Amino acid sequence: MGAFAIPVRVYWEDTDASGVVYHASYLRYMERARSDWLRALGIDQAALIREERLQFVVVEAQIRYHRPARFGDELQVSVLLTERGGASVTMAQEIRRGGPDGELLLSATIRAACLDSDNLKPRPLPASVPAQP
């Protein structure tokens, strides 16, 4: 699977008093994109926790803020699998203003581990997570 992306509109609640997106709001945007990416792969996270006692947890995030987003902007938030380990995945994420060829606002590398929901120890990734980026 290639890059996956979702649209996000910036709401007032996402910004500081000057209408600039607050830095932590970008983390929520990226989380939404990763959740929708998993859904597109056929992975129901609620069922995974309930039935298999597995969950994904972000264990590392490297983020570079290039330009600010503002109230009312239409953004595109992308996810690209770059590495699949035995119990973790690494993804490249970007946030752009206005679409896939729009202005780059943020770039990030996110690593998420697959954990046992009961003891929070690593467990192998579900087979539905792609083997190759």
N, C-alpha and C. Protein backbone atom coordinates (compact mmCIF):
# COMPACT_ATOMS: atom_id res chain seq x y z
N MET A 1 0.85 -1.17 0.00
CA MET A 1 0.00 0.00 0.00
C MET A 1 0.89 1.23 0.00
N GLY A 2 0.61 2.18 -0.86
CA GLY A 2 1.37 3.42 -0.92
C GLY A 2 0.93 4.37 0.18
N ALA A 3 1.18 5.66 -0.03
CA ALA A 3 0.79 6.66 0.95
C ALA A 3 -0.72 6.72 1.08
N PHE A 4 -1.17 6.87 2.29
CA PHE A 4 -2.58 7.00 2.62
C PHE A 4 -2.76 8.40 3.18
N ALA A 5 -3.87 9.07 2.87
CA ALA A 5 -4.07 10.44 3.35
C ALA A 5 -5.52 10.72 3.67
N ILE A 6 -5.71 11.63 4.61
CA ILE A 6 -7.05 12.10 4.96
C ILE A 6 -7.07 13.62 4.94
N PRO A 7 -8.23 14.21 4.67
CA PRO A 7 -8.35 15.67 4.77
C PRO A 7 -8.68 16.06 6.21
N VAL A 8 -8.17 17.20 6.63
CA VAL A 8 -8.49 17.75 7.96
C VAL A 8 -8.67 19.25 7.80
N ARG A 9 -9.74 19.77 8.36
CA ARG A 9 -9.94 21.22 8.40
C ARG A 9 -9.56 21.72 9.78
N VAL A 10 -8.88 22.86 9.83
CA VAL A 10 -8.48 23.45 11.10
C VAL A 10 -9.65 24.23 11.68
N TYR A 11 -10.03 23.84 12.90
CA TYR A 11 -11.10 24.52 13.62
C TYR A 11 -10.50 25.43 14.69
N TRP A 12 -11.33 26.34 15.18
CA TRP A 12 -10.87 27.30 16.19
C TRP A 12 -10.29 26.58 17.40
N GLU A 13 -10.89 25.46 17.80
CA GLU A 13 -10.41 24.72 18.97
C GLU A 13 -9.00 24.18 18.79
N ASP A 14 -8.51 24.11 17.56
CA ASP A 14 -7.17 23.59 17.27
C ASP A 14 -6.08 24.65 17.40
N THR A 15 -6.49 25.90 17.59
CA THR A 15 -5.54 27.02 17.49
C THR A 15 -5.31 27.71 18.83
N ASP A 16 -4.28 28.54 18.82
CA ASP A 16 -4.05 29.41 19.97
C ASP A 16 -4.86 30.70 19.76
N ALA A 17 -4.68 31.66 20.60
CA ALA A 17 -5.48 32.88 20.54
C ALA A 17 -5.28 33.68 19.25
N SER A 18 -4.17 33.45 18.56
CA SER A 18 -3.91 34.20 17.33
C SER A 18 -4.38 33.46 16.07
N GLY A 19 -5.00 32.28 16.24
CA GLY A 19 -5.50 31.53 15.10
C GLY A 19 -4.47 30.62 14.45
N VAL A 20 -3.31 30.45 15.09
CA VAL A 20 -2.27 29.54 14.60
C VAL A 20 -2.46 28.20 15.29
N VAL A 21 -2.33 27.11 14.54
CA VAL A 21 -2.53 25.78 15.10
C VAL A 21 -1.52 25.53 16.23
N TYR A 22 -2.06 25.13 17.37
CA TYR A 22 -1.27 24.79 18.54
C TYR A 22 -0.47 23.51 18.23
N HIS A 23 0.78 23.45 18.67
CA HIS A 23 1.67 22.36 18.26
C HIS A 23 1.10 20.96 18.56
N ALA A 24 0.41 20.78 19.67
CA ALA A 24 -0.12 19.46 20.02
C ALA A 24 -1.29 19.04 19.12
N SER A 25 -1.95 19.99 18.47
CA SER A 25 -3.05 19.64 17.57
C SER A 25 -2.57 18.80 16.40
N TYR A 26 -1.35 19.04 15.96
CA TYR A 26 -0.79 18.25 14.85
C TYR A 26 -0.71 16.76 15.24
N LEU A 27 -0.42 16.48 16.52
CA LEU A 27 -0.37 15.09 16.97
C LEU A 27 -1.73 14.42 16.82
N ARG A 28 -2.80 15.15 17.12
CA ARG A 28 -4.15 14.59 16.94
C ARG A 28 -4.44 14.34 15.46
N TYR A 29 -4.03 15.26 14.61
CA TYR A 29 -4.26 15.08 13.17
C TYR A 29 -3.55 13.81 12.69
N MET A 30 -2.30 13.63 13.12
CA MET A 30 -1.55 12.44 12.69
C MET A 30 -2.17 11.16 13.24
N GLU A 31 -2.66 11.21 14.48
CA GLU A 31 -3.32 10.04 15.07
C GLU A 31 -4.56 9.66 14.27
N ARG A 32 -5.35 10.66 13.86
CA ARG A 32 -6.54 10.37 13.05
C ARG A 32 -6.15 9.67 11.75
N ALA A 33 -5.09 10.16 11.11
CA ALA A 33 -4.66 9.56 9.85
C ALA A 33 -4.19 8.12 10.05
N ARG A 34 -3.44 7.88 11.13
CA ARG A 34 -2.98 6.50 11.38
C ARG A 34 -4.16 5.58 11.69
N SER A 35 -5.14 6.06 12.45
CA SER A 35 -6.32 5.25 12.75
C SER A 35 -7.09 4.92 11.48
N ASP A 36 -7.28 5.91 10.60
CA ASP A 36 -7.98 5.66 9.34
C ASP A 36 -7.18 4.76 8.42
N TRP A 37 -5.85 4.86 8.47
CA TRP A 37 -4.98 3.98 7.68
C TRP A 37 -5.18 2.53 8.12
N LEU A 38 -5.19 2.29 9.44
CA LEU A 38 -5.43 0.94 9.95
C LEU A 38 -6.81 0.44 9.53
N ARG A 39 -7.80 1.32 9.62
CA ARG A 39 -9.16 0.94 9.20
C ARG A 39 -9.17 0.55 7.73
N ALA A 40 -8.44 1.29 6.89
CA ALA A 40 -8.37 0.98 5.46
C ALA A 40 -7.70 -0.37 5.21
N LEU A 41 -6.83 -0.78 6.13
CA LEU A 41 -6.19 -2.09 6.03
C LEU A 41 -7.10 -3.21 6.54
N GLY A 42 -8.26 -2.83 7.08
CA GLY A 42 -9.18 -3.82 7.62
C GLY A 42 -8.94 -4.13 9.09
N ILE A 43 -8.16 -3.29 9.76
CA ILE A 43 -7.86 -3.50 11.18
C ILE A 43 -8.81 -2.64 12.01
N ASP A 44 -9.66 -3.30 12.78
CA ASP A 44 -10.59 -2.64 13.69
C ASP A 44 -9.90 -2.60 15.05
N GLN A 45 -9.43 -1.43 15.45
CA GLN A 45 -8.65 -1.34 16.69
C GLN A 45 -9.45 -1.74 17.92
N ALA A 46 -10.73 -1.39 17.98
CA ALA A 46 -11.55 -1.76 19.13
C ALA A 46 -11.69 -3.29 19.21
N ALA A 47 -11.91 -3.94 18.07
CA ALA A 47 -12.01 -5.40 18.05
C ALA A 47 -10.67 -6.05 18.38
N LEU A 48 -9.59 -5.45 17.93
CA LEU A 48 -8.25 -5.97 18.20
C LEU A 48 -8.00 -6.00 19.71
N ILE A 49 -8.37 -4.93 20.40
CA ILE A 49 -8.21 -4.89 21.86
C ILE A 49 -9.15 -5.88 22.53
N ARG A 50 -10.40 -5.86 22.12
CA ARG A 50 -11.43 -6.69 22.75
C ARG A 50 -11.20 -8.18 22.52
N GLU A 51 -10.89 -8.56 21.28
CA GLU A 51 -10.83 -9.98 20.92
C GLU A 51 -9.44 -10.59 20.98
N GLU A 52 -8.42 -9.81 20.66
CA GLU A 52 -7.06 -10.36 20.63
C GLU A 52 -6.16 -9.80 21.71
N ARG A 53 -6.67 -8.82 22.48
CA ARG A 53 -5.92 -8.18 23.56
C ARG A 53 -4.63 -7.55 23.05
N LEU A 54 -4.71 -6.91 21.86
CA LEU A 54 -3.57 -6.20 21.26
C LEU A 54 -3.92 -4.74 21.10
N GLN A 55 -2.92 -3.88 21.22
CA GLN A 55 -3.12 -2.45 20.98
C GLN A 55 -1.84 -1.85 20.44
N PHE A 56 -1.99 -0.73 19.71
CA PHE A 56 -0.85 0.00 19.18
C PHE A 56 -0.59 1.21 20.07
N VAL A 57 0.70 1.43 20.36
CA VAL A 57 1.10 2.55 21.21
C VAL A 57 2.28 3.26 20.55
N VAL A 58 2.20 4.58 20.42
CA VAL A 58 3.31 5.35 19.89
C VAL A 58 4.44 5.32 20.91
N VAL A 59 5.62 4.87 20.46
CA VAL A 59 6.77 4.78 21.35
C VAL A 59 7.87 5.77 20.98
N GLU A 60 7.76 6.37 19.79
CA GLU A 60 8.76 7.35 19.37
C GLU A 60 8.14 8.28 18.33
N ALA A 61 8.43 9.56 18.47
CA ALA A 61 7.94 10.55 17.50
C ALA A 61 9.03 11.58 17.26
N GLN A 62 9.43 11.72 16.01
CA GLN A 62 10.35 12.78 15.60
C GLN A 62 9.57 13.71 14.69
N ILE A 63 9.44 14.96 15.11
CA ILE A 63 8.57 15.91 14.41
C ILE A 63 9.35 17.16 14.03
N ARG A 64 9.14 17.59 12.80
CA ARG A 64 9.72 18.85 12.33
C ARG A 64 8.58 19.75 11.86
N TYR A 65 8.46 20.89 12.49
CA TYR A 65 7.44 21.88 12.12
C TYR A 65 8.08 22.83 11.12
N HIS A 66 7.57 22.83 9.89
CA HIS A 66 8.15 23.66 8.83
C HIS A 66 7.47 25.03 8.73
N ARG A 67 6.14 25.02 8.71
CA ARG A 67 5.35 26.25 8.56
C ARG A 67 4.08 26.09 9.40
N PRO A 68 3.49 27.17 9.86
CA PRO A 68 2.26 27.04 10.66
C PRO A 68 1.01 26.89 9.80
N ALA A 69 0.07 26.15 10.35
CA ALA A 69 -1.29 26.11 9.78
C ALA A 69 -2.12 27.11 10.57
N ARG A 70 -3.20 27.56 9.95
CA ARG A 70 -4.04 28.58 10.58
C ARG A 70 -5.51 28.16 10.54
N PHE A 71 -6.28 28.84 11.38
CA PHE A 71 -7.72 28.61 11.44
C PHE A 71 -8.31 28.65 10.03
N GLY A 72 -9.12 27.62 9.72
CA GLY A 72 -9.80 27.55 8.43
C GLY A 72 -9.03 26.83 7.34
N ASP A 73 -7.74 26.57 7.54
CA ASP A 73 -6.96 25.87 6.51
C ASP A 73 -7.52 24.46 6.26
N GLU A 74 -7.41 24.02 5.01
CA GLU A 74 -7.69 22.64 4.67
C GLU A 74 -6.36 21.94 4.52
N LEU A 75 -6.19 20.87 5.29
CA LEU A 75 -4.92 20.15 5.33
C LEU A 75 -5.08 18.74 4.79
N GLN A 76 -3.96 18.19 4.37
CA GLN A 76 -3.91 16.77 4.02
C GLN A 76 -2.87 16.14 4.92
N VAL A 77 -3.27 15.07 5.61
CA VAL A 77 -2.40 14.37 6.55
C VAL A 77 -2.14 12.98 5.99
N SER A 78 -0.88 12.67 5.72
CA SER A 78 -0.55 11.39 5.07
C SER A 78 0.21 10.47 6.01
N VAL A 79 0.13 9.18 5.68
CA VAL A 79 0.82 8.11 6.39
C VAL A 79 1.47 7.22 5.34
N LEU A 80 2.73 6.91 5.54
CA LEU A 80 3.42 5.98 4.65
C LEU A 80 4.23 5.02 5.51
N LEU A 81 3.92 3.74 5.41
CA LEU A 81 4.68 2.72 6.13
C LEU A 81 6.09 2.69 5.58
N THR A 82 7.09 2.82 6.45
CA THR A 82 8.48 2.79 5.98
C THR A 82 9.24 1.58 6.49
N GLU A 83 8.75 0.98 7.60
CA GLU A 83 9.43 -0.19 8.14
C GLU A 83 8.45 -1.00 8.97
N ARG A 84 8.53 -2.31 8.82
CA ARG A 84 7.71 -3.23 9.63
C ARG A 84 8.64 -4.17 10.34
N GLY A 85 8.64 -4.13 11.66
CA GLY A 85 9.42 -5.05 12.45
C GLY A 85 8.52 -6.16 12.96
N GLY A 86 9.03 -6.94 13.88
CA GLY A 86 8.24 -8.03 14.43
C GLY A 86 7.09 -7.55 15.30
N ALA A 87 7.33 -6.48 16.06
CA ALA A 87 6.30 -5.97 16.97
C ALA A 87 6.12 -4.46 16.85
N SER A 88 6.65 -3.87 15.79
CA SER A 88 6.48 -2.41 15.63
C SER A 88 6.45 -2.03 14.16
N VAL A 89 5.91 -0.85 13.92
CA VAL A 89 5.90 -0.26 12.58
C VAL A 89 6.45 1.16 12.68
N THR A 90 7.13 1.58 11.62
CA THR A 90 7.60 2.96 11.53
C THR A 90 6.93 3.57 10.31
N MET A 91 6.42 4.78 10.51
CA MET A 91 5.68 5.48 9.47
C MET A 91 6.24 6.88 9.27
N ALA A 92 6.25 7.32 8.02
CA ALA A 92 6.54 8.72 7.70
C ALA A 92 5.19 9.41 7.58
N GLN A 93 5.07 10.57 8.21
CA GLN A 93 3.83 11.32 8.10
C GLN A 93 4.15 12.75 7.69
N GLU A 94 3.24 13.31 6.88
CA GLU A 94 3.35 14.70 6.46
C GLU A 94 2.00 15.38 6.62
N ILE A 95 2.06 16.66 6.89
CA ILE A 95 0.86 17.49 6.86
C ILE A 95 1.14 18.61 5.88
N ARG A 96 0.25 18.72 4.90
CA ARG A 96 0.38 19.74 3.86
C ARG A 96 -0.87 20.60 3.81
N ARG A 97 -0.70 21.85 3.45
CA ARG A 97 -1.84 22.74 3.27
C ARG A 97 -2.36 22.57 1.85
N GLY A 98 -3.65 22.26 1.72
CA GLY A 98 -4.30 22.28 0.43
C GLY A 98 -4.21 21.05 -0.44
N GLY A 99 -3.56 19.99 -0.02
CA GLY A 99 -3.53 18.79 -0.84
C GLY A 99 -2.15 18.18 -0.94
N PRO A 100 -2.02 17.10 -1.73
CA PRO A 100 -0.76 16.34 -1.79
C PRO A 100 0.42 17.14 -2.32
N ASP A 101 0.17 18.13 -3.14
CA ASP A 101 1.27 18.95 -3.67
C ASP A 101 1.34 20.31 -2.99
N GLY A 102 0.58 20.46 -1.90
CA GLY A 102 0.54 21.74 -1.19
C GLY A 102 1.78 21.98 -0.36
N GLU A 103 1.77 23.10 0.30
CA GLU A 103 2.91 23.53 1.11
C GLU A 103 3.11 22.57 2.29
N LEU A 104 4.35 22.09 2.46
CA LEU A 104 4.68 21.18 3.56
C LEU A 104 4.72 21.97 4.87
N LEU A 105 3.88 21.55 5.81
CA LEU A 105 3.82 22.21 7.11
C LEU A 105 4.54 21.43 8.20
N LEU A 106 4.48 20.09 8.11
CA LEU A 106 5.07 19.24 9.14
C LEU A 106 5.51 17.93 8.51
N SER A 107 6.65 17.43 8.96
CA SER A 107 7.09 16.08 8.60
C SER A 107 7.45 15.36 9.89
N ALA A 108 7.15 14.07 9.92
CA ALA A 108 7.38 13.30 11.15
C ALA A 108 7.71 11.86 10.83
N THR A 109 8.43 11.24 11.75
CA THR A 109 8.65 9.80 11.76
C THR A 109 8.05 9.30 13.06
N ILE A 110 7.13 8.35 12.94
CA ILE A 110 6.42 7.82 14.10
C ILE A 110 6.66 6.32 14.16
N ARG A 111 7.03 5.83 15.34
CA ARG A 111 7.15 4.38 15.53
C ARG A 111 6.10 3.97 16.55
N ALA A 112 5.31 2.96 16.19
CA ALA A 112 4.28 2.43 17.08
C ALA A 112 4.56 0.96 17.34
N ALA A 113 4.42 0.57 18.59
CA ALA A 113 4.62 -0.82 18.98
C ALA A 113 3.27 -1.49 19.16
N CYS A 114 3.25 -2.78 18.92
CA CYS A 114 2.08 -3.61 19.16
C CYS A 114 2.28 -4.26 20.54
N LEU A 115 1.35 -3.96 21.46
CA LEU A 115 1.50 -4.44 22.83
C LEU A 115 0.35 -5.32 23.25
N ASP A 116 0.63 -6.24 24.16
CA ASP A 116 -0.39 -7.02 24.83
C ASP A 116 -1.17 -6.07 25.73
N SER A 117 -2.47 -6.01 25.59
CA SER A 117 -3.29 -5.07 26.35
C SER A 117 -3.30 -5.35 27.85
N ASP A 118 -3.00 -6.56 28.25
CA ASP A 118 -3.05 -6.91 29.66
C ASP A 118 -1.76 -6.59 30.41
N ASN A 119 -0.60 -6.84 29.78
CA ASN A 119 0.66 -6.61 30.49
C ASN A 119 1.54 -5.55 29.84
N LEU A 120 1.08 -4.97 28.72
CA LEU A 120 1.80 -3.92 27.99
C LEU A 120 3.19 -4.33 27.53
N LYS A 121 3.34 -5.62 27.25
CA LYS A 121 4.60 -6.13 26.69
C LYS A 121 4.42 -6.32 25.19
N PRO A 122 5.52 -6.21 24.42
CA PRO A 122 5.43 -6.35 22.95
C PRO A 122 4.89 -7.72 22.54
N ARG A 123 4.07 -7.67 21.48
CA ARG A 123 3.55 -8.89 20.85
C ARG A 123 3.69 -8.73 19.34
N PRO A 124 3.75 -9.82 18.61
CA PRO A 124 3.88 -9.73 17.15
C PRO A 124 2.72 -8.95 16.52
N LEU A 125 3.03 -8.24 15.45
CA LEU A 125 2.03 -7.49 14.71
C LEU A 125 0.99 -8.43 14.10
N PRO A 126 -0.25 -7.96 13.97
CA PRO A 126 -1.25 -8.76 13.27
C PRO A 126 -0.83 -8.97 11.81
N ALA A 127 -1.22 -10.08 11.23
CA ALA A 127 -0.87 -10.40 9.84
C ALA A 127 -1.42 -9.38 8.85
N SER A 128 -2.47 -8.65 9.24
CA SER A 128 -3.09 -7.67 8.33
C SER A 128 -2.25 -6.42 8.13
N VAL A 129 -1.22 -6.21 8.95
CA VAL A 129 -0.31 -5.09 8.73
C VAL A 129 0.62 -5.49 7.59
N PRO A 130 0.75 -4.65 6.56
CA PRO A 130 1.55 -5.01 5.40
C PRO A 130 2.99 -5.42 5.74
N ALA A 131 3.50 -6.38 5.01
CA ALA A 131 4.86 -6.85 5.23
C ALA A 131 5.88 -5.90 4.62
N GLN A 132 5.51 -5.24 3.54
CA GLN A 132 6.44 -4.35 2.84
C GLN A 132 5.87 -2.93 2.80
N PRO A 133 6.75 -1.97 2.96
CA PRO A 133 6.28 -0.57 2.80
C PRO A 133 5.83 -0.29 1.39
